[in-house]
Amino acid sequence: MNKPLIISDSNSKSLKIKKLIITKINKEKIIKSNIIIVIGGDGFMLKTLKKNKKSNKLFYGINSGNYGFLMNKFSSKLTIKNLAKAKTVNISPLEMSVITKNNIRKCIAINEVSILRQSKQAANISIKNNSKIIIKKLVADGVLVSTPAGSTAYNLSVHGPILSLNSKKISIAPISAFRPRRWSGKIVSDQSKVIITNLNPKKRPISAVADNVEVRNAKKISIKVLTKVRFNLLYDKNTSLQKKIKLEQLRKEIN
């Protein structure tokens, strides 16, 4: 019988859960093979997925962090049974290509690409969808391009839309837009190539961040869905990623 690979964050809670899971696996039969169990928070899951972007394995996350949107809840009694019945969700990341003064750098983002002002002055940027102009000049703290899987993360915090997993869309949301002051962003097809250009790179530098990887002094950023990469995530039957997204749409914030 093939036993799943278990990867955990280095904190004490993650290591404790890992020890319990290993004990359970040694006693019970796992029907699914080709599984990687990831124990940690959302950040650790993102890091693990990127390290294994060429893998066709199934990733089952167990939350030991705070919210754990990409993870499953740990239960000492039910985790192995839940794992056996878990359903697969396939997601593709964004590919960010950044042109700076000296080179071109490519990174992937599972949640979002953030374009952020790098100095005390607001960014001046233009945004295109392929060759079509979305906005000729945006003066703002930045802009966010989000996948459906990441639409409830930073994107939601800047009042971007929550996207359904099967929407075949990506979101473009401004961060503290100054001019035009009421610009609410744009939802575009996942076949789009979003091109963001810094209109004043010397005076108003910007950085481009793919999830948590930053490239500074960006002149032009191209963003597209990397369809050739698909991550296979496993979710418990009653807590699917799609269900979590729907719950976020209904959630009311408590002041």
Protein backbone atom coordinates (compact mmCIF):
# COMPACT_ATOMS: atom_id res chain seq x y z
CA MET A 1 0.00 0.00 0.00
CA ASN A 2 1.33 3.46 -0.95
CA LYS A 3 1.31 5.78 2.01
CA PRO A 4 0.79 9.51 1.40
CA LEU A 5 3.67 11.93 1.76
CA ILE A 6 3.18 14.25 4.75
CA ILE A 7 4.63 17.77 4.72
CA SER A 8 4.19 20.08 7.70
CA ASP A 9 5.13 23.57 8.76
CA SER A 10 7.77 23.77 11.49
CA ASN A 11 5.59 25.17 14.30
CA SER A 12 4.67 22.98 17.27
CA LYS A 13 0.97 22.67 16.39
CA SER A 14 1.72 21.45 12.85
CA LEU A 15 4.29 18.95 14.09
CA LYS A 16 1.87 17.60 16.69
CA ILE A 17 -0.83 17.07 14.04
CA LYS A 18 1.74 15.40 11.77
CA LYS A 19 2.64 12.93 14.51
CA LEU A 20 -1.04 12.08 15.09
CA ILE A 21 -1.69 11.66 11.34
CA ILE A 22 1.28 9.31 10.95
CA THR A 23 -0.04 7.16 13.82
CA LYS A 24 -3.50 7.04 12.19
CA ILE A 25 -2.13 6.19 8.74
CA ASN A 26 -0.11 3.31 10.16
CA LYS A 27 -3.31 1.84 11.61
CA GLU A 28 -5.85 2.56 8.86
CA LYS A 29 -5.96 1.91 5.13
CA ILE A 30 -5.90 4.88 2.75
CA ILE A 31 -7.80 4.16 -0.48
CA LYS A 32 -6.41 7.08 -2.46
CA SER A 33 -2.78 6.97 -3.51
CA ASN A 34 -0.61 9.73 -4.97
CA ILE A 35 -1.51 12.10 -2.10
CA ILE A 36 0.51 14.80 -0.37
CA ILE A 37 -0.89 15.82 3.02
CA VAL A 38 0.04 19.44 3.77
CA ILE A 39 -0.20 20.59 7.40
CA GLY A 40 -0.04 24.33 8.06
CA GLY A 41 -1.81 27.52 7.05
CA ASP A 42 -2.73 28.99 3.67
CA GLY A 43 0.74 30.51 3.21
CA PHE A 44 2.42 27.16 3.74
CA MET A 45 0.02 25.50 1.29
CA LEU A 46 0.77 28.14 -1.37
CA LYS A 47 4.50 27.62 -0.85
CA THR A 48 4.14 23.83 -1.11
CA LEU A 49 2.02 23.98 -4.27
CA LYS A 50 4.55 26.22 -6.00
CA LYS A 51 7.39 23.88 -5.11
CA ASN A 52 5.42 21.02 -6.66
CA LYS A 53 3.95 22.83 -9.69
CA LYS A 54 5.11 20.08 -12.06
CA SER A 55 3.55 17.34 -9.94
CA ASN A 56 0.25 15.62 -10.73
CA LYS A 57 -0.28 14.61 -7.11
CA LEU A 58 -3.37 15.31 -5.00
CA PHE A 59 -2.90 17.86 -2.20
CA TYR A 60 -4.95 17.53 1.00
CA GLY A 61 -4.46 20.47 3.35
CA ILE A 62 -4.96 20.29 7.11
CA ASN A 63 -5.25 23.64 8.83
CA SER A 64 -2.98 24.45 11.76
CA GLY A 65 -2.98 28.20 11.13
CA ASN A 66 -5.69 30.81 11.52
CA TYR A 67 -8.42 30.91 8.88
CA GLY A 68 -7.11 28.20 6.53
CA PHE A 69 -9.28 28.97 3.50
CA LEU A 70 -7.38 26.51 1.32
CA MET A 71 -7.23 23.87 4.04
CA ASN A 72 -9.45 21.27 5.72
CA LYS A 73 -10.30 21.23 9.41
CA PHE A 74 -8.31 18.75 11.48
CA SER A 75 -10.18 16.09 13.42
CA SER A 76 -8.29 13.38 15.29
CA LYS A 77 -11.26 11.04 14.80
CA LEU A 78 -12.46 11.88 11.28
CA THR A 79 -9.50 13.13 9.23
CA ILE A 80 -8.59 9.73 7.73
CA LYS A 81 -12.23 8.95 6.88
CA ASN A 82 -12.67 12.44 5.41
CA LEU A 83 -9.53 11.99 3.35
CA ALA A 84 -10.87 8.78 1.84
CA LYS A 85 -14.07 10.56 0.72
CA ALA A 86 -12.52 13.91 -0.25
CA LYS A 87 -13.44 15.51 -3.59
CA THR A 88 -10.94 16.98 -6.05
CA VAL A 89 -10.90 20.63 -7.15
CA ASN A 90 -8.62 21.72 -9.99
CA ILE A 91 -7.23 25.27 -10.06
CA SER A 92 -4.72 27.00 -12.33
CA PRO A 93 -2.44 29.84 -11.18
CA LEU A 94 -1.64 33.19 -12.76
CA GLU A 95 1.71 33.72 -14.45
CA MET A 96 3.27 37.11 -13.84
CA SER A 97 5.97 38.35 -16.22
CA VAL A 98 7.71 41.52 -15.03
CA ILE A 99 9.95 43.75 -17.12
CA THR A 100 12.39 45.83 -15.08
CA LYS A 101 15.32 47.98 -16.19
CA ASN A 102 17.72 45.05 -16.18
CA ASN A 103 15.76 41.85 -16.77
CA ILE A 104 12.51 39.93 -17.13
CA ARG A 105 11.27 37.80 -14.23
CA LYS A 106 8.43 35.28 -14.22
CA CYS A 107 6.55 34.02 -11.14
CA ILE A 108 3.26 32.23 -10.52
CA ALA A 109 0.45 33.32 -8.20
CA ILE A 110 -2.30 31.02 -6.95
CA ASN A 111 -4.27 33.80 -5.22
CA GLU A 112 -3.38 37.12 -6.78
CA VAL A 113 -0.84 39.46 -8.35
CA SER A 114 -0.56 42.77 -6.46
CA ILE A 115 0.80 45.89 -8.14
CA LEU A 116 1.79 48.31 -5.37
CA ARG A 117 3.26 51.79 -5.15
CA GLN A 118 6.87 51.61 -4.03
CA SER A 119 7.22 55.13 -2.67
CA LYS A 120 5.19 57.81 -0.89
CA GLN A 121 3.61 58.83 -4.20
CA ALA A 122 0.62 57.12 -5.81
CA ALA A 123 1.25 54.88 -8.79
CA ASN A 124 0.37 56.06 -12.31
CA ILE A 125 -0.47 53.01 -14.40
CA SER A 126 -2.35 51.97 -17.53
CA ILE A 127 -4.19 48.65 -17.85
CA LYS A 128 -4.92 46.70 -21.03
CA ASN A 129 -6.74 43.45 -21.79
CA ASN A 130 -4.60 42.14 -24.65
CA SER A 131 -4.56 45.20 -26.99
CA LYS A 132 -7.80 46.72 -25.64
CA ILE A 133 -7.42 49.58 -23.15
CA ILE A 134 -9.28 48.99 -19.87
CA ILE A 135 -8.13 52.22 -18.27
CA LYS A 136 -5.76 54.73 -19.84
CA LYS A 137 -4.47 56.17 -16.57
CA LEU A 138 -5.17 54.98 -13.04
CA VAL A 139 -3.78 56.96 -10.10
CA ALA A 140 -3.91 54.67 -7.07
CA ASP A 141 -1.97 52.84 -4.40
CA GLY A 142 -2.04 49.90 -6.81
CA VAL A 143 -4.18 47.25 -8.45
CA LEU A 144 -4.93 43.59 -7.82
CA VAL A 145 -5.42 40.80 -10.38
CA SER A 146 -7.07 37.81 -8.72
CA THR A 147 -8.00 34.23 -9.52
CA PRO A 148 -11.37 32.82 -8.40
CA ALA A 149 -9.56 30.82 -5.69
CA GLY A 150 -7.95 34.02 -4.40
CA SER A 151 -10.94 36.30 -4.82
CA THR A 152 -11.93 35.97 -1.14
CA ALA A 153 -8.44 36.88 0.08
CA TYR A 154 -6.72 40.27 -0.46
CA ASN A 155 -9.07 40.93 -3.40
CA LEU A 156 -12.13 40.91 -1.13
CA SER A 157 -10.38 43.23 1.34
CA VAL A 158 -10.01 45.88 -1.40
CA HIS A 159 -13.72 45.42 -2.31
CA GLY A 160 -13.07 43.28 -5.36
CA PRO A 161 -15.75 40.78 -6.47
CA ILE A 162 -15.97 37.20 -5.22
CA LEU A 163 -15.68 34.89 -8.24
CA SER A 164 -17.13 31.41 -8.59
CA LEU A 165 -14.53 28.69 -9.18
CA ASN A 166 -16.15 27.76 -12.49
CA SER A 167 -16.69 31.37 -13.63
CA LYS A 168 -13.73 31.29 -16.06
CA LYS A 169 -13.01 34.88 -15.01
CA ILE A 170 -10.29 36.87 -13.29
CA SER A 171 -10.78 40.08 -11.35
CA ILE A 172 -8.97 43.41 -11.70
CA ALA A 173 -9.55 45.54 -8.58
CA PRO A 174 -8.03 48.94 -7.71
CA ILE A 175 -6.33 49.60 -4.39
CA SER A 176 -7.32 53.04 -3.02
CA ALA A 177 -8.13 54.55 -6.40
CA PHE A 178 -7.60 58.34 -6.48
CA ARG A 179 -8.27 59.09 -10.17
CA PRO A 180 -10.75 58.07 -11.41
CA ARG A 181 -11.97 58.12 -7.82
CA ARG A 182 -14.98 55.86 -8.38
CA TRP A 183 -13.38 53.29 -10.67
CA SER A 184 -14.58 49.90 -9.39
CA GLY A 185 -12.36 47.61 -11.45
CA LYS A 186 -13.12 45.05 -14.11
CA ILE A 187 -13.93 41.34 -14.48
CA VAL A 188 -12.35 39.77 -17.57
CA SER A 189 -12.14 36.34 -19.20
CA ASP A 190 -9.53 33.87 -17.96
CA GLN A 191 -8.28 33.83 -21.58
CA SER A 192 -7.14 37.45 -21.15
CA LYS A 193 -3.62 38.77 -21.01
CA VAL A 194 -3.67 41.70 -18.59
CA ILE A 195 -0.89 44.21 -19.30
CA ILE A 196 -0.08 46.84 -16.67
CA THR A 197 2.38 49.61 -17.57
CA ASN A 198 4.03 52.07 -15.19
CA LEU A 199 3.51 55.49 -16.80
CA ASN A 200 6.17 57.19 -14.65
CA PRO A 201 8.74 54.60 -13.47
CA LYS A 202 11.40 57.12 -12.43
CA LYS A 203 9.27 59.31 -10.20
CA ARG A 204 6.60 56.76 -9.18
CA PRO A 205 8.16 53.28 -8.93
CA ILE A 206 5.96 50.23 -8.42
CA SER A 207 6.49 46.64 -7.31
CA ALA A 208 4.74 43.50 -8.54
CA VAL A 209 3.96 40.76 -6.02
CA ALA A 210 2.90 37.21 -6.99
CA ASP A 211 1.26 35.97 -3.76
CA ASN A 212 4.34 36.61 -1.58
CA VAL A 213 7.16 36.97 -4.15
CA GLU A 214 8.03 40.60 -4.89
CA VAL A 215 9.73 42.12 -7.94
CA ARG A 216 10.61 45.79 -7.46
CA ASN A 217 10.96 48.64 -9.96
CA ALA A 218 8.57 47.09 -12.46
CA LYS A 219 8.11 48.88 -15.79
CA LYS A 220 5.58 46.54 -17.39
CA ILE A 221 3.73 43.52 -15.99
CA SER A 222 1.93 40.89 -18.06
CA ILE A 223 -0.50 38.57 -16.26
CA LYS A 224 -2.32 35.53 -17.65
CA VAL A 225 -3.80 32.26 -16.43
CA LEU A 226 -1.23 29.49 -16.73
CA THR A 227 -3.55 26.78 -18.04
CA LYS A 228 -0.81 24.19 -18.49
CA VAL A 229 -0.38 24.07 -14.70
CA ARG A 230 -3.26 22.56 -12.70
CA PHE A 231 -3.18 21.95 -8.97
CA ASN A 232 -5.37 19.11 -7.69
CA LEU A 233 -6.69 20.04 -4.25
CA LEU A 234 -8.70 17.67 -2.06
CA TYR A 235 -11.54 18.94 0.12
CA ASP A 236 -13.81 17.27 2.64
CA LYS A 237 -17.27 16.55 1.27
CA ASN A 238 -19.06 19.18 3.39
CA THR A 239 -16.40 21.91 3.21
CA SER A 240 -15.51 22.20 -0.49
CA LEU A 241 -13.64 25.24 -1.79
CA GLN A 242 -16.72 26.24 -3.77
CA LYS A 243 -18.83 26.11 -0.60
CA LYS A 244 -16.29 28.25 1.26
CA ILE A 245 -16.47 30.85 -1.51
CA LYS A 246 -20.27 30.92 -1.31
CA LEU A 247 -20.13 31.34 2.47
CA GLU A 248 -17.84 34.35 2.04
CA GLN A 249 -20.45 35.92 -0.24
CA LEU A 250 -23.02 35.60 2.55
CA ARG A 251 -20.74 36.53 5.44
CA LYS A 252 -21.55 39.71 7.35
CA GLU A 253 -18.70 41.52 9.05
CA ILE A 254 -19.06 42.25 12.77
CA ASN A 255 -18.03 45.76 13.73
